[in-house]
């Protein structure tokens, strides 16, 4: 049985903004928050990205911390984000 994807409007806005990040480039969680008009919602952006139901289509691995470090990918620090960025 397929699960129905239930995301809030905010979460969809985050994912839509993430889709605008060009291949081979990165943007910060703050950039996403600013782009959707919610500049103080940086942590909530990270939470929304963790719920990304289409990680191969919506490139949440391109979102990094403002200080340039990678941060987590799918809630983990297992090197996958770095691997995906290196492939691009």
N, C-alpha and C. Protein backbone atom coordinates (compact mmCIF):
# COMPACT_ATOMS: atom_id res chain seq x y z
N UNK A 1 0.84 -1.18 0.00
CA UNK A 1 0.00 0.00 0.00
C UNK A 1 0.88 1.24 0.00
N UNK A 2 0.59 2.17 -0.89
CA UNK A 2 1.38 3.39 -0.99
C UNK A 2 0.98 4.38 0.09
N UNK A 3 2.01 5.04 0.62
CA UNK A 3 1.78 6.08 1.60
C UNK A 3 1.45 7.38 0.91
N UNK A 4 0.49 8.10 1.44
CA UNK A 4 0.14 9.40 0.89
C UNK A 4 1.10 10.44 1.46
N UNK A 5 1.68 11.25 0.60
CA UNK A 5 2.64 12.26 1.05
C UNK A 5 1.86 13.44 1.62
N UNK A 6 2.13 13.74 2.87
CA UNK A 6 1.46 14.85 3.52
C UNK A 6 2.50 15.83 4.04
N UNK A 7 2.65 16.92 3.32
CA UNK A 7 3.56 17.98 3.73
C UNK A 7 2.76 19.26 3.89
N UNK A 8 3.23 20.13 4.77
CA UNK A 8 2.57 21.42 4.96
C UNK A 8 2.90 22.34 3.79
N UNK A 9 2.17 23.44 3.69
CA UNK A 9 2.47 24.43 2.66
C UNK A 9 3.90 24.94 2.80
N UNK A 10 4.33 25.16 4.04
CA UNK A 10 5.70 25.62 4.29
C UNK A 10 6.71 24.60 3.75
N UNK A 11 6.49 23.33 4.04
CA UNK A 11 7.42 22.30 3.58
C UNK A 11 7.48 22.24 2.05
N UNK A 12 6.33 22.37 1.39
CA UNK A 12 6.33 22.40 -0.08
C UNK A 12 7.07 23.62 -0.60
N UNK A 13 6.91 24.77 0.06
CA UNK A 13 7.63 25.98 -0.36
C UNK A 13 9.14 25.77 -0.27
N UNK A 14 9.57 25.12 0.79
CA UNK A 14 11.00 24.83 0.96
C UNK A 14 11.48 23.93 -0.18
N UNK A 15 10.73 22.89 -0.47
CA UNK A 15 11.13 21.97 -1.53
C UNK A 15 11.12 22.64 -2.90
N UNK A 16 10.15 23.50 -3.15
CA UNK A 16 10.10 24.22 -4.43
C UNK A 16 11.29 25.16 -4.57
N UNK A 17 11.67 25.84 -3.49
CA UNK A 17 12.83 26.73 -3.54
C UNK A 17 14.11 25.92 -3.78
N UNK A 18 14.18 24.73 -3.20
CA UNK A 18 15.34 23.86 -3.37
C UNK A 18 15.49 23.44 -4.83
N UNK A 19 14.39 23.27 -5.51
CA UNK A 19 14.42 22.90 -6.94
C UNK A 19 15.10 23.95 -7.81
N UNK A 20 15.19 25.18 -7.32
CA UNK A 20 15.78 26.26 -8.12
C UNK A 20 17.30 26.32 -8.02
N UNK A 21 17.90 25.50 -7.17
CA UNK A 21 19.36 25.51 -7.02
C UNK A 21 19.96 24.79 -8.22
N UNK A 22 20.80 25.47 -8.99
CA UNK A 22 21.38 24.85 -10.20
C UNK A 22 22.29 23.66 -9.89
N UNK A 23 22.35 22.77 -10.83
CA UNK A 23 23.23 21.60 -10.75
C UNK A 23 24.66 22.04 -10.47
N UNK A 24 25.31 21.40 -9.52
CA UNK A 24 26.69 21.70 -9.20
C UNK A 24 26.89 22.89 -8.28
N UNK A 25 25.80 23.52 -7.85
CA UNK A 25 25.90 24.66 -6.94
C UNK A 25 25.23 24.33 -5.62
N UNK A 26 25.55 25.12 -4.61
CA UNK A 26 24.92 24.95 -3.30
C UNK A 26 24.33 26.28 -2.85
N UNK A 27 23.41 26.20 -1.93
CA UNK A 27 22.83 27.37 -1.28
C UNK A 27 22.68 27.02 0.20
N UNK A 28 22.57 28.03 1.03
CA UNK A 28 22.46 27.80 2.47
C UNK A 28 21.00 27.64 2.91
N UNK A 29 20.85 27.06 4.09
CA UNK A 29 19.52 26.97 4.69
C UNK A 29 18.94 28.38 4.83
N UNK A 30 19.79 29.34 5.16
CA UNK A 30 19.34 30.73 5.28
C UNK A 30 18.84 31.25 3.94
N UNK A 31 19.52 30.91 2.86
CA UNK A 31 19.11 31.34 1.51
C UNK A 31 17.70 30.84 1.21
N UNK A 32 17.44 29.57 1.54
CA UNK A 32 16.10 28.99 1.33
C UNK A 32 15.07 29.76 2.16
N UNK A 33 15.39 29.98 3.44
CA UNK A 33 14.47 30.69 4.32
C UNK A 33 14.16 32.09 3.77
N UNK A 34 15.19 32.79 3.31
CA UNK A 34 14.99 34.12 2.74
C UNK A 34 14.16 34.05 1.47
N UNK A 35 14.44 33.07 0.62
CA UNK A 35 13.76 32.94 -0.67
C UNK A 35 12.25 32.72 -0.50
N UNK A 36 11.86 32.02 0.55
CA UNK A 36 10.44 31.77 0.76
C UNK A 36 9.79 32.83 1.67
N UNK A 37 10.56 33.86 2.01
CA UNK A 37 10.02 34.96 2.81
C UNK A 37 9.89 34.66 4.29
N UNK A 38 10.67 33.71 4.77
CA UNK A 38 10.65 33.34 6.19
C UNK A 38 12.06 33.33 6.74
N UNK A 39 12.74 34.50 6.81
CA UNK A 39 14.16 34.57 7.15
C UNK A 39 14.54 34.02 8.52
N UNK A 40 13.60 33.89 9.43
CA UNK A 40 13.92 33.37 10.77
C UNK A 40 13.64 31.87 10.89
N UNK A 41 13.23 31.25 9.79
CA UNK A 41 12.82 29.85 9.83
C UNK A 41 13.92 28.90 9.36
N UNK A 42 15.17 29.23 9.65
CA UNK A 42 16.29 28.44 9.15
C UNK A 42 16.24 27.00 9.65
N UNK A 43 15.99 26.80 10.91
CA UNK A 43 15.93 25.43 11.46
C UNK A 43 14.74 24.66 10.89
N UNK A 44 13.63 25.37 10.69
CA UNK A 44 12.45 24.72 10.12
C UNK A 44 12.71 24.30 8.68
N UNK A 45 13.55 25.05 7.97
CA UNK A 45 13.94 24.66 6.61
C UNK A 45 14.64 23.31 6.65
N UNK A 46 15.56 23.15 7.58
CA UNK A 46 16.25 21.86 7.72
C UNK A 46 15.29 20.72 8.02
N UNK A 47 14.33 20.99 8.87
CA UNK A 47 13.33 19.96 9.19
C UNK A 47 12.49 19.60 7.97
N UNK A 48 12.14 20.60 7.19
CA UNK A 48 11.35 20.36 5.98
C UNK A 48 12.15 19.54 4.97
N UNK A 49 13.43 19.85 4.82
CA UNK A 49 14.27 19.11 3.88
C UNK A 49 14.43 17.65 4.31
N UNK A 50 14.42 17.40 5.60
CA UNK A 50 14.53 16.05 6.10
C UNK A 50 13.32 15.20 5.68
N UNK A 51 12.19 15.86 5.39
CA UNK A 51 10.97 15.15 4.99
C UNK A 51 10.85 15.01 3.48
N UNK A 52 11.86 15.43 2.75
CA UNK A 52 11.83 15.39 1.28
C UNK A 52 11.48 13.98 0.79
N UNK A 53 10.31 13.84 0.14
CA UNK A 53 9.91 12.51 -0.32
C UNK A 53 10.58 12.10 -1.64
N UNK A 54 11.24 13.04 -2.30
CA UNK A 54 11.87 12.79 -3.61
C UNK A 54 13.32 13.26 -3.63
N UNK A 55 14.20 12.68 -2.81
CA UNK A 55 15.56 13.19 -2.70
C UNK A 55 16.38 13.11 -3.98
N UNK A 56 16.03 12.23 -4.90
CA UNK A 56 16.76 12.17 -6.16
C UNK A 56 16.28 13.22 -7.15
N UNK A 57 15.09 13.74 -6.93
CA UNK A 57 14.52 14.76 -7.82
C UNK A 57 14.68 16.16 -7.22
N UNK A 58 14.37 16.28 -5.95
CA UNK A 58 14.51 17.57 -5.25
C UNK A 58 15.86 17.53 -4.53
N UNK A 59 16.83 18.30 -5.02
CA UNK A 59 18.23 18.16 -4.58
C UNK A 59 18.55 18.78 -3.23
N UNK A 60 18.01 18.21 -2.16
CA UNK A 60 18.25 18.76 -0.83
C UNK A 60 19.72 18.65 -0.42
N UNK A 61 20.49 17.82 -1.10
CA UNK A 61 21.92 17.71 -0.79
C UNK A 61 22.67 18.98 -1.18
N UNK A 62 22.05 19.85 -1.98
CA UNK A 62 22.68 21.12 -2.38
C UNK A 62 22.51 22.21 -1.34
N UNK A 63 21.82 21.94 -0.25
CA UNK A 63 21.60 22.93 0.80
C UNK A 63 22.60 22.68 1.91
N UNK A 64 23.38 23.71 2.22
CA UNK A 64 24.46 23.60 3.21
C UNK A 64 24.31 24.69 4.27
N UNK A 65 25.15 24.62 5.27
CA UNK A 65 25.13 25.64 6.33
C UNK A 65 25.72 26.96 5.81
N UNK A 66 25.35 28.04 6.45
CA UNK A 66 25.85 29.37 6.06
C UNK A 66 27.35 29.50 6.16
N UNK A 67 27.97 28.71 7.06
CA UNK A 67 29.42 28.78 7.21
C UNK A 67 30.18 27.94 6.18
N UNK A 68 29.43 27.31 5.26
CA UNK A 68 30.05 26.53 4.20
C UNK A 68 30.20 25.05 4.50
N UNK A 69 29.95 24.66 5.75
CA UNK A 69 30.02 23.23 6.05
C UNK A 69 28.75 22.54 5.55
N UNK A 70 28.85 21.24 5.35
CA UNK A 70 27.76 20.54 4.69
C UNK A 70 26.52 20.33 5.54
N UNK A 71 26.68 20.07 6.81
CA UNK A 71 25.52 19.74 7.62
C UNK A 71 25.07 18.32 7.36
N UNK A 72 23.86 18.02 7.73
CA UNK A 72 23.34 16.66 7.63
C UNK A 72 22.63 16.44 6.29
N UNK A 73 22.48 15.16 5.95
CA UNK A 73 21.71 14.76 4.79
C UNK A 73 20.77 13.66 5.23
N UNK A 74 19.47 13.91 5.08
CA UNK A 74 18.44 12.97 5.54
C UNK A 74 18.62 12.68 7.04
N UNK A 75 19.04 13.70 7.78
CA UNK A 75 19.19 13.57 9.22
C UNK A 75 20.44 12.85 9.67
N UNK A 76 21.34 12.54 8.75
CA UNK A 76 22.55 11.78 9.10
C UNK A 76 23.81 12.51 8.65
N UNK A 77 24.90 12.19 9.32
CA UNK A 77 26.23 12.70 8.94
C UNK A 77 27.05 11.51 8.46
N UNK A 78 26.65 10.92 7.34
CA UNK A 78 27.32 9.70 6.88
C UNK A 78 28.12 9.88 5.60
N UNK A 79 28.31 11.13 5.17
CA UNK A 79 29.11 11.38 3.98
C UNK A 79 28.36 11.35 2.66
N UNK A 80 27.09 11.00 2.69
CA UNK A 80 26.31 10.90 1.44
C UNK A 80 26.18 12.26 0.75
N UNK A 81 26.00 13.32 1.53
CA UNK A 81 25.85 14.65 0.95
C UNK A 81 27.11 15.01 0.17
N UNK A 82 28.25 14.78 0.77
CA UNK A 82 29.54 15.07 0.10
C UNK A 82 29.68 14.24 -1.16
N UNK A 83 29.29 12.98 -1.10
CA UNK A 83 29.37 12.10 -2.28
C UNK A 83 28.49 12.62 -3.42
N UNK A 84 27.27 13.01 -3.09
CA UNK A 84 26.35 13.51 -4.12
C UNK A 84 26.86 14.81 -4.74
N UNK A 85 27.39 15.69 -3.91
CA UNK A 85 27.94 16.95 -4.44
C UNK A 85 29.16 16.69 -5.32
N UNK A 86 29.97 15.74 -4.95
CA UNK A 86 31.16 15.40 -5.75
C UNK A 86 30.79 14.84 -7.12
N UNK A 87 29.69 14.11 -7.17
CA UNK A 87 29.22 13.55 -8.45
C UNK A 87 28.79 14.66 -9.39
N UNK A 88 28.20 15.70 -8.83
CA UNK A 88 27.75 16.82 -9.67
C UNK A 88 28.93 17.60 -10.17
